[in-house]
Amino acid sequence: MHKLWAFKNQLTIPFNHVLKAYQDKKSLEGWAGWRLPGTSIPGIFTAGTFYKSGNKIFWDVSNQEKCIVVDLKDEEYKQLVIEVENPEETIQLLSE
């Protein structure tokens, strides 16, 4: 269902394009941005491509407690806001 709501089958990001990964509850509050294309039902899930403050951001989140933010360079997206199985482990893996 995530593929359907996000309008994306997969994203491939080279590891050297990852600037940092972190949890940021404040970035989840409020408006995700303009949907193009994407789906957003506040409090339920946000998935797809969104534009906010001139940045293209990919969202795929239904459980905010398992959400991380990944800042990127030299990519179509400036940021990924994604749900992962184990946030702490994923952040550590992307930070090494």
N, C-alpha and C. Protein backbone atom coordinates (compact mmCIF):
# COMPACT_ATOMS: atom_id res chain seq x y z
N MET A 1 0.83 -1.20 0.00
CA MET A 1 0.00 0.00 0.00
C MET A 1 0.87 1.26 0.00
N HIS A 2 2.05 1.19 0.62
CA HIS A 2 2.92 2.36 0.65
C HIS A 2 3.30 2.79 -0.76
N LYS A 3 3.58 1.84 -1.64
CA LYS A 3 3.92 2.16 -3.03
C LYS A 3 2.77 2.89 -3.70
N LEU A 4 1.56 2.44 -3.45
CA LEU A 4 0.39 3.06 -4.05
C LEU A 4 0.22 4.50 -3.57
N TRP A 5 0.29 4.73 -2.26
CA TRP A 5 0.08 6.07 -1.71
C TRP A 5 1.23 7.02 -2.03
N ALA A 6 2.44 6.49 -2.14
CA ALA A 6 3.62 7.32 -2.39
C ALA A 6 3.83 7.60 -3.87
N PHE A 7 3.16 6.85 -4.74
CA PHE A 7 3.34 6.98 -6.18
C PHE A 7 4.79 6.69 -6.58
N LYS A 8 5.48 5.85 -5.83
CA LYS A 8 6.86 5.46 -6.10
C LYS A 8 7.00 3.98 -5.82
N ASN A 9 7.78 3.31 -6.67
CA ASN A 9 8.06 1.90 -6.47
C ASN A 9 9.28 1.72 -5.59
N GLN A 10 10.33 2.52 -5.85
CA GLN A 10 11.53 2.46 -5.03
C GLN A 10 12.40 3.68 -5.27
N LEU A 11 13.27 3.95 -4.32
CA LEU A 11 14.27 5.00 -4.45
C LEU A 11 15.63 4.34 -4.24
N THR A 12 16.60 4.72 -5.05
CA THR A 12 17.96 4.23 -4.88
C THR A 12 18.85 5.43 -4.66
N ILE A 13 19.48 5.49 -3.49
CA ILE A 13 20.33 6.61 -3.11
C ILE A 13 21.73 6.07 -2.80
N PRO A 14 22.76 6.54 -3.50
CA PRO A 14 24.12 6.12 -3.14
C PRO A 14 24.47 6.58 -1.72
N PHE A 15 25.17 5.74 -1.00
CA PHE A 15 25.51 6.04 0.39
C PHE A 15 26.25 7.37 0.52
N ASN A 16 27.14 7.70 -0.43
CA ASN A 16 27.91 8.95 -0.32
C ASN A 16 27.06 10.19 -0.59
N HIS A 17 25.79 10.03 -0.91
CA HIS A 17 24.88 11.17 -1.08
C HIS A 17 24.08 11.45 0.19
N VAL A 18 24.28 10.63 1.22
CA VAL A 18 23.62 10.83 2.51
C VAL A 18 24.48 11.76 3.35
N LEU A 19 23.92 12.92 3.71
CA LEU A 19 24.63 13.87 4.57
C LEU A 19 24.51 13.48 6.03
N LYS A 20 23.28 13.23 6.48
CA LYS A 20 23.07 12.80 7.86
C LYS A 20 21.67 12.22 8.00
N ALA A 21 21.50 11.43 9.05
CA ALA A 21 20.20 10.84 9.38
C ALA A 21 19.94 11.11 10.86
N TYR A 22 18.69 11.43 11.18
CA TYR A 22 18.35 11.80 12.55
C TYR A 22 16.84 11.73 12.75
N GLN A 23 16.42 11.76 14.00
CA GLN A 23 15.00 11.86 14.32
C GLN A 23 14.72 13.31 14.68
N ASP A 24 13.60 13.83 14.18
CA ASP A 24 13.23 15.22 14.43
C ASP A 24 11.71 15.30 14.49
N LYS A 25 11.18 15.21 15.68
CA LYS A 25 9.72 15.24 15.87
C LYS A 25 9.11 16.55 15.37
N LYS A 26 9.85 17.66 15.46
CA LYS A 26 9.31 18.95 15.02
C LYS A 26 9.05 18.97 13.52
N SER A 27 9.87 18.26 12.74
CA SER A 27 9.67 18.26 11.29
C SER A 27 8.39 17.51 10.90
N LEU A 28 7.87 16.71 11.81
CA LEU A 28 6.65 15.95 11.54
C LEU A 28 5.39 16.74 11.87
N GLU A 29 5.55 17.81 12.62
CA GLU A 29 4.40 18.61 13.03
C GLU A 29 3.98 19.53 11.90
N GLY A 30 2.69 19.71 11.77
CA GLY A 30 2.17 20.67 10.81
C GLY A 30 2.16 20.18 9.38
N TRP A 31 2.37 21.09 8.50
CA TRP A 31 2.18 20.90 7.07
C TRP A 31 3.40 20.25 6.42
N ALA A 32 3.20 19.18 5.65
CA ALA A 32 4.30 18.47 4.98
C ALA A 32 4.77 19.22 3.75
N GLY A 33 3.92 20.04 3.17
CA GLY A 33 4.26 20.77 1.95
C GLY A 33 3.21 20.53 0.87
N TRP A 34 3.50 21.03 -0.31
CA TRP A 34 2.59 20.84 -1.45
C TRP A 34 2.79 19.43 -2.00
N ARG A 35 1.71 18.68 -2.17
CA ARG A 35 1.77 17.31 -2.70
C ARG A 35 1.91 17.33 -4.21
N LEU A 36 2.90 16.62 -4.73
CA LEU A 36 3.08 16.56 -6.18
C LEU A 36 3.86 15.33 -6.60
N PRO A 37 3.42 14.18 -6.83
CA PRO A 37 2.16 13.61 -6.33
C PRO A 37 2.40 13.00 -4.96
N GLY A 38 1.37 12.93 -4.20
CA GLY A 38 1.48 12.35 -2.87
C GLY A 38 0.12 12.25 -2.21
N THR A 39 0.12 11.64 -1.04
CA THR A 39 -1.10 11.44 -0.28
C THR A 39 -0.83 11.85 1.16
N SER A 40 -1.76 12.59 1.74
CA SER A 40 -1.60 12.98 3.14
C SER A 40 -2.95 12.98 3.84
N ILE A 41 -3.03 12.17 4.87
CA ILE A 41 -4.19 12.17 5.76
C ILE A 41 -3.63 12.46 7.14
N PRO A 42 -3.75 13.71 7.61
CA PRO A 42 -3.13 14.12 8.87
C PRO A 42 -3.42 13.14 10.02
N GLY A 43 -2.34 12.77 10.72
CA GLY A 43 -2.45 11.86 11.84
C GLY A 43 -2.51 10.39 11.45
N ILE A 44 -2.65 10.10 10.15
CA ILE A 44 -2.74 8.71 9.69
C ILE A 44 -1.50 8.33 8.89
N PHE A 45 -1.24 9.02 7.78
CA PHE A 45 -0.02 8.79 7.00
C PHE A 45 0.23 9.92 6.03
N THR A 46 1.49 10.01 5.63
CA THR A 46 1.93 10.95 4.60
C THR A 46 2.89 10.18 3.70
N ALA A 47 2.65 10.21 2.41
CA ALA A 47 3.50 9.45 1.49
C ALA A 47 3.55 10.14 0.13
N GLY A 48 4.75 10.17 -0.46
CA GLY A 48 4.92 10.72 -1.80
C GLY A 48 5.86 11.90 -1.83
N THR A 49 5.79 12.64 -2.92
CA THR A 49 6.64 13.80 -3.14
C THR A 49 5.94 15.06 -2.67
N PHE A 50 6.66 15.86 -1.90
CA PHE A 50 6.14 17.11 -1.38
C PHE A 50 7.17 18.21 -1.58
N TYR A 51 6.70 19.43 -1.78
CA TYR A 51 7.58 20.59 -1.90
C TYR A 51 7.31 21.52 -0.73
N LYS A 52 8.38 21.89 -0.02
CA LYS A 52 8.25 22.80 1.12
C LYS A 52 9.48 23.69 1.17
N SER A 53 9.28 24.97 1.27
CA SER A 53 10.37 25.96 1.33
C SER A 53 11.35 25.78 0.17
N GLY A 54 10.82 25.45 -1.00
CA GLY A 54 11.65 25.31 -2.19
C GLY A 54 12.40 24.00 -2.29
N ASN A 55 12.16 23.07 -1.36
CA ASN A 55 12.86 21.79 -1.36
C ASN A 55 11.90 20.65 -1.72
N LYS A 56 12.42 19.71 -2.49
CA LYS A 56 11.66 18.51 -2.85
C LYS A 56 11.98 17.45 -1.80
N ILE A 57 10.92 16.94 -1.12
CA ILE A 57 11.07 16.01 0.01
C ILE A 57 10.21 14.79 -0.25
N PHE A 58 10.78 13.60 -0.02
CA PHE A 58 10.02 12.37 -0.14
C PHE A 58 9.58 11.92 1.24
N TRP A 59 8.29 11.67 1.40
CA TRP A 59 7.72 11.21 2.67
C TRP A 59 7.16 9.79 2.50
N ASP A 60 7.33 8.97 3.52
CA ASP A 60 6.64 7.69 3.62
C ASP A 60 6.55 7.34 5.10
N VAL A 61 5.52 7.88 5.76
CA VAL A 61 5.40 7.77 7.22
C VAL A 61 3.95 7.46 7.60
N SER A 62 3.78 6.42 8.41
CA SER A 62 2.48 6.19 9.04
C SER A 62 2.64 6.12 10.56
N ASN A 63 3.81 5.70 11.03
CA ASN A 63 4.09 5.65 12.47
C ASN A 63 5.20 6.64 12.78
N GLN A 64 4.85 7.79 13.31
CA GLN A 64 5.83 8.86 13.55
C GLN A 64 6.91 8.46 14.53
N GLU A 65 6.64 7.52 15.42
CA GLU A 65 7.64 7.07 16.39
C GLU A 65 8.81 6.34 15.71
N LYS A 66 8.58 5.80 14.53
CA LYS A 66 9.61 5.05 13.80
C LYS A 66 10.12 5.83 12.60
N CYS A 67 9.96 7.13 12.64
CA CYS A 67 10.32 7.99 11.52
C CYS A 67 11.72 8.58 11.69
N ILE A 68 12.46 8.64 10.58
CA ILE A 68 13.75 9.34 10.57
C ILE A 68 13.77 10.32 9.40
N VAL A 69 14.65 11.29 9.50
CA VAL A 69 14.88 12.27 8.43
C VAL A 69 16.28 12.00 7.90
N VAL A 70 16.40 11.94 6.57
CA VAL A 70 17.69 11.72 5.93
C VAL A 70 17.96 12.90 5.01
N ASP A 71 18.99 13.69 5.31
CA ASP A 71 19.38 14.81 4.46
C ASP A 71 20.29 14.29 3.35
N LEU A 72 20.04 14.75 2.12
CA LEU A 72 20.76 14.27 0.95
C LEU A 72 21.47 15.38 0.21
N LYS A 73 22.48 15.02 -0.58
CA LYS A 73 23.13 15.96 -1.49
C LYS A 73 23.17 15.32 -2.88
N ASP A 74 23.17 16.15 -3.90
CA ASP A 74 23.28 15.72 -5.29
C ASP A 74 22.21 14.70 -5.67
N GLU A 75 21.00 14.86 -5.16
CA GLU A 75 19.90 13.96 -5.45
C GLU A 75 18.67 14.75 -5.88
N GLU A 76 17.73 14.05 -6.48
CA GLU A 76 16.45 14.64 -6.87
C GLU A 76 15.74 15.21 -5.63
N TYR A 77 15.81 14.48 -4.53
CA TYR A 77 15.19 14.91 -3.28
C TYR A 77 16.24 15.52 -2.36
N LYS A 78 15.86 16.56 -1.65
CA LYS A 78 16.72 17.20 -0.65
C LYS A 78 16.70 16.40 0.65
N GLN A 79 15.55 15.76 0.90
CA GLN A 79 15.36 15.04 2.16
C GLN A 79 14.43 13.85 1.95
N LEU A 80 14.65 12.83 2.79
CA LEU A 80 13.72 11.72 2.91
C LEU A 80 13.17 11.76 4.32
N VAL A 81 11.88 11.66 4.47
CA VAL A 81 11.25 11.54 5.78
C VAL A 81 10.54 10.20 5.72
N ILE A 82 11.15 9.19 6.36
CA ILE A 82 10.70 7.82 6.15
C ILE A 82 10.55 7.07 7.47
N GLU A 83 9.66 6.10 7.44
CA GLU A 83 9.47 5.21 8.57
C GLU A 83 10.37 4.00 8.37
N VAL A 84 11.06 3.61 9.43
CA VAL A 84 11.95 2.44 9.39
C VAL A 84 11.62 1.53 10.56
N GLU A 85 12.03 0.28 10.46
CA GLU A 85 11.75 -0.70 11.51
C GLU A 85 12.41 -0.32 12.84
N ASN A 86 13.69 0.05 12.77
CA ASN A 86 14.44 0.38 13.98
C ASN A 86 15.18 1.71 13.76
N PRO A 87 14.60 2.83 14.18
CA PRO A 87 15.20 4.13 13.92
C PRO A 87 16.63 4.28 14.43
N GLU A 88 16.91 3.85 15.66
CA GLU A 88 18.25 4.03 16.23
C GLU A 88 19.30 3.27 15.43
N GLU A 89 19.00 2.03 15.08
CA GLU A 89 19.92 1.21 14.29
C GLU A 89 20.16 1.81 12.91
N THR A 90 19.09 2.26 12.28
CA THR A 90 19.19 2.83 10.93
C THR A 90 20.01 4.11 10.95
N ILE A 91 19.78 4.96 11.93
CA ILE A 91 20.55 6.20 12.05
C ILE A 91 22.03 5.87 12.26
N GLN A 92 22.33 4.91 13.12
CA GLN A 92 23.71 4.52 13.36
C GLN A 92 24.35 3.98 12.07
N LEU A 93 23.65 3.15 11.35
CA LEU A 93 24.16 2.59 10.10
C LEU A 93 24.45 3.68 9.08
N LEU A 94 23.55 4.64 8.94
CA LEU A 94 23.74 5.71 7.96
C LEU A 94 24.78 6.73 8.40
N SER A 95 25.07 6.77 9.68
CA SER A 95 26.05 7.73 10.20
C SER A 95 27.48 7.21 10.19
N GLU A 96 27.67 5.93 9.99
CA GLU A 96 29.01 5.34 10.01
C GLU A 96 29.70 5.52 8.67
